[in-house]
PDB file of N, CA and C in Angstrom:
ATOM      1  N   MET A   1      -8.982 -47.597  10.641  1.00  0.00           N
ATOM      2  CA  MET A   1      -9.437 -48.468  11.540  1.00  0.00           C
ATOM      3  C   MET A   1      -8.592 -49.855  11.799  1.00  0.00           C
ATOM      4  N   LYS A   2      -7.428 -49.752  11.133  1.00  0.00           N
ATOM      5  CA  LYS A   2      -6.793 -50.814  11.175  1.00  0.00           C
ATOM      6  C   LYS A   2      -6.624 -51.454  12.542  1.00  0.00           C
ATOM      7  N   GLY A   3      -6.201 -52.724  12.747  1.00  0.00           N
ATOM      8  CA  GLY A   3      -6.557 -53.042  13.894  1.00  0.00           C
ATOM      9  C   GLY A   3      -7.586 -53.430  15.418  1.00  0.00           C
ATOM     10  N   ARG A   4      -8.544 -52.538  14.878  1.00  0.00           N
ATOM     11  CA  ARG A   4      -9.636 -52.057  15.997  1.00  0.00           C
ATOM     12  C   ARG A   4     -10.789 -53.787  15.408  1.00  0.00           C
ATOM     13  N   SER A   5     -11.216 -54.455  16.181  1.00  0.00           N
ATOM     14  CA  SER A   5     -12.178 -55.135  16.222  1.00  0.00           C
ATOM     15  C   SER A   5     -13.424 -55.548  16.899  1.00  0.00           C
ATOM     16  N   LYS A   6     -14.476 -56.349  16.575  1.00  0.00           N
ATOM     17  CA  LYS A   6     -15.693 -56.202  17.045  1.00  0.00           C
ATOM     18  C   LYS A   6     -15.446 -56.274  18.518  1.00  0.00           C
ATOM     19  N   LYS A   7     -14.145 -56.965  19.219  1.00  0.00           N
ATOM     20  CA  LYS A   7     -13.966 -57.132  20.590  1.00  0.00           C
ATOM     21  C   LYS A   7     -13.613 -55.720  21.530  1.00  0.00           C
ATOM     22  N   TYR A   8     -13.028 -54.896  20.470  1.00  0.00           N
ATOM     23  CA  TYR A   8     -12.283 -53.371  20.835  1.00  0.00           C
ATOM     24  C   TYR A   8     -13.580 -52.575  21.458  1.00  0.00           C
ATOM     25  N   TYR A   9     -14.823 -52.688  20.268  1.00  0.00           N
ATOM     26  CA  TYR A   9     -15.935 -51.603  20.227  1.00  0.00           C
ATOM     27  C   TYR A   9     -16.726 -51.950  21.370  1.00  0.00           C
ATOM     28  N   ARG A  10     -16.906 -53.482  21.706  1.00  0.00           N
ATOM     29  CA  ARG A  10     -17.784 -54.144  22.830  1.00  0.00           C
ATOM     30  C   ARG A  10     -17.192 -53.350  23.786  1.00  0.00           C
ATOM     31  N   LYS A  11     -15.737 -53.583  24.149  1.00  0.00           N
ATOM     32  CA  LYS A  11     -15.524 -52.950  25.103  1.00  0.00           C
ATOM     33  C   LYS A  11     -15.963 -51.090  25.598  1.00  0.00           C
ATOM     34  N   ILE A  12     -15.629 -50.453  24.214  1.00  0.00           N
ATOM     35  CA  ILE A  12     -15.128 -49.447  24.374  1.00  0.00           C
ATOM     36  C   ILE A  12     -16.919 -48.781  24.618  1.00  0.00           C
ATOM     37  N   PHE A  13     -17.893 -49.602  23.990  1.00  0.00           N
ATOM     38  CA  PHE A  13     -19.492 -49.205  24.004  1.00  0.00           C
ATOM     39  C   PHE A  13     -20.228 -50.250  25.338  1.00  0.00           C
ATOM     40  N   ARG A  14     -19.447 -50.713  26.244  1.00  0.00           N
ATOM     41  CA  ARG A  14     -19.891 -51.768  26.987  1.00  0.00           C
ATOM     42  C   ARG A  14     -21.079 -51.049  28.215  1.00  0.00           C
ATOM     43  N   ALA A  15     -20.908 -49.279  28.342  1.00  0.00           N
ATOM     44  CA  ALA A  15     -21.780 -48.792  29.244  1.00  0.00           C
ATOM     45  C   ALA A  15     -23.189 -48.472  28.198  1.00  0.00           C
ATOM     46  N   TYR A  16     -23.372 -48.849  26.915  1.00  0.00           N
ATOM     47  CA  TYR A  16     -24.564 -48.866  26.246  1.00  0.00           C
ATOM     48  C   TYR A  16     -25.450 -50.381  26.223  1.00  0.00           C
ATOM     49  N   PRO A  17     -26.714 -50.105  26.651  1.00  0.00           N
ATOM     50  CA  PRO A  17     -27.482 -50.745  26.700  1.00  0.00           C
ATOM     51  C   PRO A  17     -27.639 -51.949  25.089  1.00  0.00           C
ATOM     52  N   ASP A  18     -28.230 -53.247  25.106  1.00  0.00           N
ATOM     53  CA  ASP A  18     -28.049 -53.708  23.925  1.00  0.00           C
ATOM     54  C   ASP A  18     -28.836 -53.128  22.463  1.00  0.00           C
ATOM     55  N   MET A  19     -29.729 -52.158  23.090  1.00  0.00           N
ATOM     56  CA  MET A  19     -30.813 -51.717  22.381  1.00  0.00           C
ATOM     57  C   MET A  19     -30.424 -50.447  22.421  1.00  0.00           C
ATOM     58  N   VAL A  20     -30.284 -49.429  21.609  1.00  0.00           N
ATOM     59  CA  VAL A  20     -29.743 -48.316  22.022  1.00  0.00           C
ATOM     60  C   VAL A  20     -30.844 -46.976  21.262  1.00  0.00           C
ATOM     61  N   THR A  21     -31.205 -46.153  21.740  1.00  0.00           N
ATOM     62  CA  THR A  21     -31.953 -45.048  21.404  1.00  0.00           C
ATOM     63  C   THR A  21     -31.403 -44.219  20.259  1.00  0.00           C
ATOM     64  N   LEU A  22     -31.996 -43.084  19.420  1.00  0.00           N
ATOM     65  CA  LEU A  22     -30.956 -42.519  18.346  1.00  0.00           C
ATOM     66  C   LEU A  22     -30.406 -41.612  18.952  1.00  0.00           C
ATOM     67  N   LEU A  23     -30.423 -40.951  19.998  1.00  0.00           N
ATOM     68  CA  LEU A  23     -29.765 -39.987  20.801  1.00  0.00           C
ATOM     69  C   LEU A  23     -28.443 -40.876  21.000  1.00  0.00           C
ATOM     70  N   GLN A  24     -28.611 -41.959  22.046  1.00  0.00           N
ATOM     71  CA  GLN A  24     -27.341 -42.993  21.620  1.00  0.00           C
ATOM     72  C   GLN A  24     -26.611 -43.331  20.649  1.00  0.00           C
ATOM     73  N   PHE A  25     -27.141 -43.917  20.106  1.00  0.00           N
ATOM     74  CA  PHE A  25     -26.614 -43.888  18.630  1.00  0.00           C
ATOM     75  C   PHE A  25     -25.803 -42.812  17.777  1.00  0.00           C
ATOM     76  N   ARG A  26     -26.082 -41.591  18.329  1.00  0.00           N
ATOM     77  CA  ARG A  26     -25.518 -40.558  17.695  1.00  0.00           C
ATOM     78  C   ARG A  26     -24.358 -40.249  18.638  1.00  0.00           C
ATOM     79  N   GLU A  27     -24.180 -40.618  20.071  1.00  0.00           N
ATOM     80  CA  GLU A  27     -23.217 -40.166  21.030  1.00  0.00           C
ATOM     81  C   GLU A  27     -22.118 -41.576  20.663  1.00  0.00           C
ATOM     82  N   MET A  28     -22.755 -42.829  19.874  1.00  0.00           N
ATOM     83  CA  MET A  28     -21.583 -43.458  19.816  1.00  0.00           C
ATOM     84  C   MET A  28     -20.675 -43.403  18.379  1.00  0.00           C
ATOM     85  N   LEU A  29     -21.575 -42.376  17.512  1.00  0.00           N
ATOM     86  CA  LEU A  29     -20.806 -41.892  16.450  1.00  0.00           C
ATOM     87  C   LEU A  29     -20.057 -40.734  16.426  1.00  0.00           C
ATOM     88  N   SER A  30     -19.962 -40.189  17.631  1.00  0.00           N
ATOM     89  CA  SER A  30     -18.826 -38.992  17.948  1.00  0.00           C
ATOM     90  C   SER A  30     -19.944 -37.741  17.914  1.00  0.00           C
ATOM     91  N   GLY A  31     -21.417 -38.403  18.396  1.00  0.00           N
ATOM     92  CA  GLY A  31     -22.195 -36.890  18.193  1.00  0.00           C
ATOM     93  C   GLY A  31     -22.623 -35.917  16.564  1.00  0.00           C
ATOM     94  N   VAL A  32     -22.700 -37.343  15.710  1.00  0.00           N
ATOM     95  CA  VAL A  32     -23.255 -37.120  14.403  1.00  0.00           C
ATOM     96  C   VAL A  32     -24.673 -36.226  14.614  1.00  0.00           C
ATOM     97  N   SER A  33     -24.710 -35.415  13.546  1.00  0.00           N
ATOM     98  CA  SER A  33     -26.224 -34.935  13.565  1.00  0.00           C
ATOM     99  C   SER A  33     -27.326 -35.916  13.450  1.00  0.00           C
ATOM    100  N   ASP A  34     -28.489 -35.511  14.162  1.00  0.00           N
ATOM    101  CA  ASP A  34     -29.932 -36.200  13.917  1.00  0.00           C
ATOM    102  C   ASP A  34     -30.255 -36.921  12.723  1.00  0.00           C
ATOM    103  N   ASN A  35     -30.178 -35.589  11.349  1.00  0.00           N
ATOM    104  CA  ASN A  35     -30.430 -36.013  10.142  1.00  0.00           C
ATOM    105  C   ASN A  35     -29.630 -36.897   9.424  1.00  0.00           C
ATOM    106  N   PHE A  36     -28.237 -36.977   9.824  1.00  0.00           N
ATOM    107  CA  PHE A  36     -27.022 -38.020   9.158  1.00  0.00           C
ATOM    108  C   PHE A  36     -27.448 -39.329  10.047  1.00  0.00           C
ATOM    109  N   ALA A  37     -27.597 -39.667  11.368  1.00  0.00           N
ATOM    110  CA  ALA A  37     -28.492 -41.009  11.776  1.00  0.00           C
ATOM    111  C   ALA A  37     -29.846 -41.290  11.189  1.00  0.00           C
ATOM    112  N   ARG A  38     -30.338 -40.542  11.343  1.00  0.00           N
ATOM    113  CA  ARG A  38     -32.048 -41.056  10.058  1.00  0.00           C
ATOM    114  C   ARG A  38     -31.262 -41.220   8.979  1.00  0.00           C
ATOM    115  N   LYS A  39     -30.376 -41.083   8.175  1.00  0.00           N
ATOM    116  CA  LYS A  39     -30.229 -41.224   6.644  1.00  0.00           C
ATOM    117  C   LYS A  39     -29.398 -42.652   7.224  1.00  0.00           C
ATOM    118  N   LEU A  40     -28.736 -42.694   7.839  1.00  0.00           N
ATOM    119  CA  LEU A  40     -27.834 -44.189   8.371  1.00  0.00           C
ATOM    120  C   LEU A  40     -29.203 -45.387   8.116  1.00  0.00           C
ATOM    121  N   ILE A  41     -30.077 -44.846   9.092  1.00  0.00           N
ATOM    122  CA  ILE A  41     -31.385 -45.883   9.446  1.00  0.00           C
ATOM    123  C   ILE A  41     -32.244 -46.425   8.080  1.00  0.00           C
ATOM    124  N   HIS A  42     -32.456 -45.181   7.356  1.00  0.00           N
ATOM    125  CA  HIS A  42     -33.141 -44.815   6.215  1.00  0.00           C
ATOM    126  C   HIS A  42     -32.351 -45.696   5.156  1.00  0.00           C
ATOM    127  N   GLU A  43     -31.719 -45.587   5.015  1.00  0.00           N
ATOM    128  CA  GLU A  43     -30.551 -46.348   4.035  1.00  0.00           C
ATOM    129  C   GLU A  43     -29.829 -47.739   4.447  1.00  0.00           C
ATOM    130  N   LYS A  44     -30.375 -48.128   5.638  1.00  0.00           N
ATOM    131  CA  LYS A  44     -30.236 -49.701   5.902  1.00  0.00           C
ATOM    132  C   LYS A  44     -28.921 -50.015   6.341  1.00  0.00           C
ATOM    133  N   HIS A  45     -28.199 -48.761   6.681  1.00  0.00           N
ATOM    134  CA  HIS A  45     -26.459 -49.226   6.892  1.00  0.00           C
ATOM    135  C   HIS A  45     -26.234 -49.825   8.340  1.00  0.00           C
ATOM    136  N   VAL A  46     -27.713 -49.326   9.210  1.00  0.00           N
ATOM    137  CA  VAL A  46     -27.872 -50.250  10.302  1.00  0.00           C
ATOM    138  C   VAL A  46     -29.166 -50.872  10.666  1.00  0.00           C
ATOM    139  N   LYS A  47     -29.127 -51.821  10.799  1.00  0.00           N
ATOM    140  CA  LYS A  47     -30.424 -52.085  11.408  1.00  0.00           C
ATOM    141  C   LYS A  47     -31.074 -51.553  12.471  1.00  0.00           C
ATOM    142  N   SER A  48     -32.292 -51.544  12.408  1.00  0.00           N
ATOM    143  CA  SER A  48     -33.171 -50.563  13.797  1.00  0.00           C
ATOM    144  C   SER A  48     -34.423 -50.924  13.849  1.00  0.00           C
ATOM    145  N   ILE A  49     -35.177 -50.948  15.058  1.00  0.00           N
ATOM    146  CA  ILE A  49     -36.488 -50.961  15.222  1.00  0.00           C
ATOM    147  C   ILE A  49     -37.441 -49.748  15.374  1.00  0.00           C
ATOM    148  N   PHE A  50     -38.196 -49.751  14.677  1.00  0.00           N
ATOM    149  CA  PHE A  50     -39.117 -47.984  15.008  1.00  0.00           C
ATOM    150  C   PHE A  50     -40.565 -48.223  15.549  1.00  0.00           C
ATOM    151  N   ILE A  51     -40.399 -48.204  16.653  1.00  0.00           N
ATOM    152  CA  ILE A  51     -41.501 -48.056  17.555  1.00  0.00           C
ATOM    153  C   ILE A  51     -42.056 -46.718  17.769  1.00  0.00           C
ATOM    154  N   LYS A  52     -42.968 -46.646  17.119  1.00  0.00           N
ATOM    155  CA  LYS A  52     -43.306 -45.297  17.395  1.00  0.00           C
ATOM    156  C   LYS A  52     -43.491 -44.395  18.491  1.00  0.00           C
ATOM    157  N   PRO A  53     -42.854 -43.403  18.716  1.00  0.00           N
ATOM    158  CA  PRO A  53     -42.374 -42.224  17.745  1.00  0.00           C
ATOM    159  C   PRO A  53     -40.785 -42.518  17.510  1.00  0.00           C
ATOM    160  N   HIS A  54     -40.082 -43.746  18.125  1.00  0.00           N
ATOM    161  CA  HIS A  54     -38.730 -43.883  18.491  1.00  0.00           C
ATOM    162  C   HIS A  54     -37.919 -45.244  17.779  1.00  0.00           C
ATOM    163  N   TYR A  55     -36.818 -44.405  17.054  1.00  0.00           N
ATOM    164  CA  TYR A  55     -36.093 -45.832  16.785  1.00  0.00           C
ATOM    165  C   TYR A  55     -35.408 -46.310  17.914  1.00  0.00           C
ATOM    166  N   TYR A  56     -35.270 -47.740  17.530  1.00  0.00           N
ATOM    167  CA  TYR A  56     -33.837 -48.386  18.437  1.00  0.00           C
ATOM    168  C   TYR A  56     -32.729 -49.182  17.490  1.00  0.00           C
ATOM    169  N   ILE A  57     -31.717 -49.195  17.482  1.00  0.00           N
ATOM    170  CA  ILE A  57     -30.630 -49.810  16.778  1.00  0.00           C
ATOM    171  C   ILE A  57     -30.051 -50.681  18.132  1.00  0.00           C
ATOM    172  N   SER A  58     -29.958 -51.788  17.400  1.00  0.00           N
ATOM    173  CA  SER A  58     -29.368 -52.611  18.471  1.00  0.00           C
ATOM    174  C   SER A  58     -27.328 -52.607  18.297  1.00  0.00           C
ATOM    175  N   LYS A  59     -26.942 -52.695  19.463  1.00  0.00           N
ATOM    176  CA  LYS A  59     -25.247 -52.393  19.694  1.00  0.00           C
ATOM    177  C   LYS A  59     -24.332 -53.200  18.946  1.00  0.00           C
ATOM    178  N   ASN A  60     -24.553 -54.385  18.447  1.00  0.00           N
ATOM    179  CA  ASN A  60     -23.950 -55.337  17.421  1.00  0.00           C
ATOM    180  C   ASN A  60     -24.188 -54.310  15.674  1.00  0.00           C
ATOM    181  N   SER A  61     -25.423 -53.656  15.687  1.00  0.00           N
ATOM    182  CA  SER A  61     -25.121 -53.183  14.237  1.00  0.00           C
ATOM    183  C   SER A  61     -24.525 -51.957  14.328  1.00  0.00           C
ATOM    184  N   VAL A  62     -24.692 -51.298  15.238  1.00  0.00           N
ATOM    185  CA  VAL A  62     -23.544 -49.882  15.522  1.00  0.00           C
ATOM    186  C   VAL A  62     -22.212 -50.383  15.246  1.00  0.00           C
ATOM    187  N   ILE A  63     -21.644 -51.591  15.777  1.00  0.00           N
ATOM    188  CA  ILE A  63     -20.517 -51.904  16.244  1.00  0.00           C
ATOM    189  C   ILE A  63     -20.378 -52.508  14.619  1.00  0.00           C
ATOM    190  N   ASP A  64     -21.330 -52.868  14.010  1.00  0.00           N
ATOM    191  CA  ASP A  64     -20.841 -53.539  12.641  1.00  0.00           C
ATOM    192  C   ASP A  64     -20.521 -52.403  11.737  1.00  0.00           C
ATOM    193  N   TYR A  65     -21.275 -51.534  11.782  1.00  0.00           N
ATOM    194  CA  TYR A  65     -21.189 -50.165  11.048  1.00  0.00           C
ATOM    195  C   TYR A  65     -20.050 -49.677  11.123  1.00  0.00           C
ATOM    196  N   VAL A  66     -19.537 -49.338  12.484  1.00  0.00           N
ATOM    197  CA  VAL A  66     -18.329 -48.507  12.199  1.00  0.00           C
ATOM    198  C   VAL A  66     -16.996 -49.438  11.990  1.00  0.00           C
ATOM    199  N   LEU A  67     -17.085 -50.504  12.136  1.00  0.00           N
ATOM    200  CA  LEU A  67     -16.200 -51.394  11.031  1.00  0.00           C
ATOM    201  C   LEU A  67     -16.479 -51.675   9.686  1.00  0.00           C
ATOM    202  N   SER A  68     -17.488 -51.087   9.023  1.00  0.00           N
ATOM    203  CA  SER A  68     -17.882 -51.403   7.429  1.00  0.00           C
ATOM    204  C   SER A  68     -17.126 -50.430   6.867  1.00  0.00           C
ATOM    205  N   GLU A  69     -17.065 -50.770   5.505  1.00  0.00           N
ATOM    206  CA  GLU A  69     -16.215 -49.397   4.648  1.00  0.00           C
ATOM    207  C   GLU A  69     -16.853 -48.092   4.781  1.00  0.00           C
ATOM    208  N   ASP A  70     -18.048 -48.732   4.166  1.00  0.00           N
ATOM    209  CA  ASP A  70     -19.103 -47.115   4.553  1.00  0.00           C
ATOM    210  C   ASP A  70     -18.473 -46.156   5.896  1.00  0.00           C
ATOM    211  N   TYR A  71     -18.494 -46.488   6.975  1.00  0.00           N
ATOM    212  CA  TYR A  71     -18.224 -45.544   7.771  1.00  0.00           C
ATOM    213  C   TYR A  71     -16.459 -45.229   7.565  1.00  0.00           C
ATOM    214  N   ALA A  72     -15.797 -46.062   7.374  1.00  0.00           N
ATOM    215  CA  ALA A  72     -14.464 -45.542   7.353  1.00  0.00           C
ATOM    216  C   ALA A  72     -14.246 -44.811   5.983  1.00  0.00           C
ATOM    217  N   LYS A  73     -14.788 -44.643   4.558  1.00  0.00           N
ATOM    218  CA  LYS A  73     -14.910 -43.969   3.692  1.00  0.00           C
ATOM    219  C   LYS A  73     -15.733 -42.478   4.388  1.00  0.00           C
ATOM    220  N   ARG A  74     -16.849 -42.576   5.093  1.00  0.00           N
ATOM    221  CA  ARG A  74     -17.288 -41.271   5.632  1.00  0.00           C
ATOM    222  C   ARG A  74     -16.516 -40.667   6.311  1.00  0.00           C
ATOM    223  N   LYS A  75     -15.607 -41.512   7.332  1.00  0.00           N
ATOM    224  CA  LYS A  75     -15.159 -41.205   8.170  1.00  0.00           C
ATOM    225  C   LYS A  75     -13.959 -39.883   7.507  1.00  0.00           C
ATOM    226  N   VAL A  76     -13.339 -40.624   6.518  1.00  0.00           N
ATOM    227  CA  VAL A  76     -11.980 -40.018   5.659  1.00  0.00           C
ATOM    228  C   VAL A  76     -12.705 -38.881   5.273  1.00  0.00           C
ATOM    229  N   ARG A  77     -13.576 -38.752   4.935  1.00  0.00           N
ATOM    230  CA  ARG A  77     -14.330 -38.035   3.846  1.00  0.00           C
ATOM    231  C   ARG A  77     -14.829 -36.901   4.229  1.00  0.00           C
ATOM    232  N   ASP A  78     -15.221 -36.841   5.935  1.00  0.00           N
ATOM    233  CA  ASP A  78     -16.599 -35.742   6.430  1.00  0.00           C
ATOM    234  C   ASP A  78     -15.546 -35.727   7.597  1.00  0.00           C
ATOM    235  N   HIS A  79     -14.399 -36.290   8.234  1.00  0.00           N
ATOM    236  CA  HIS A  79     -13.759 -36.265   8.880  1.00  0.00           C
ATOM    237  C   HIS A  79     -14.948 -36.391  10.687  1.00  0.00           C
ATOM    238  N   VAL A  80     -14.845 -37.515  10.200  1.00  0.00           N
ATOM    239  CA  VAL A  80     -16.732 -38.138  11.703  1.00  0.00           C
ATOM    240  C   VAL A  80     -15.467 -38.010  12.620  1.00  0.00           C
TER     241      VAL A  80
END
C-alpha cells in the first residue's frame, strides 16, 4: 500500500455514497464474501450502523480500513 493515501481512495471510491450498504462494502473490498464482511463489522474493524435488517458503513471507515495494518496483513496472507 506504499504511497496510497486517503486522497487516493476518496478518488477511487468517489462513486459510492457516504454511507454504503454491506453489498457496496464488499465491492469496495474487491468482492470479499458476505461472511468476511460481517466478520470485519463484528470485530469492529470498520464502523457501522445496524438498522434492522441492514448494515451501513461510512465510506471514511472503509478508507481507514484499507489503509490499516490489518487490511495490509490480510491482503498479503489471503491475497485479497
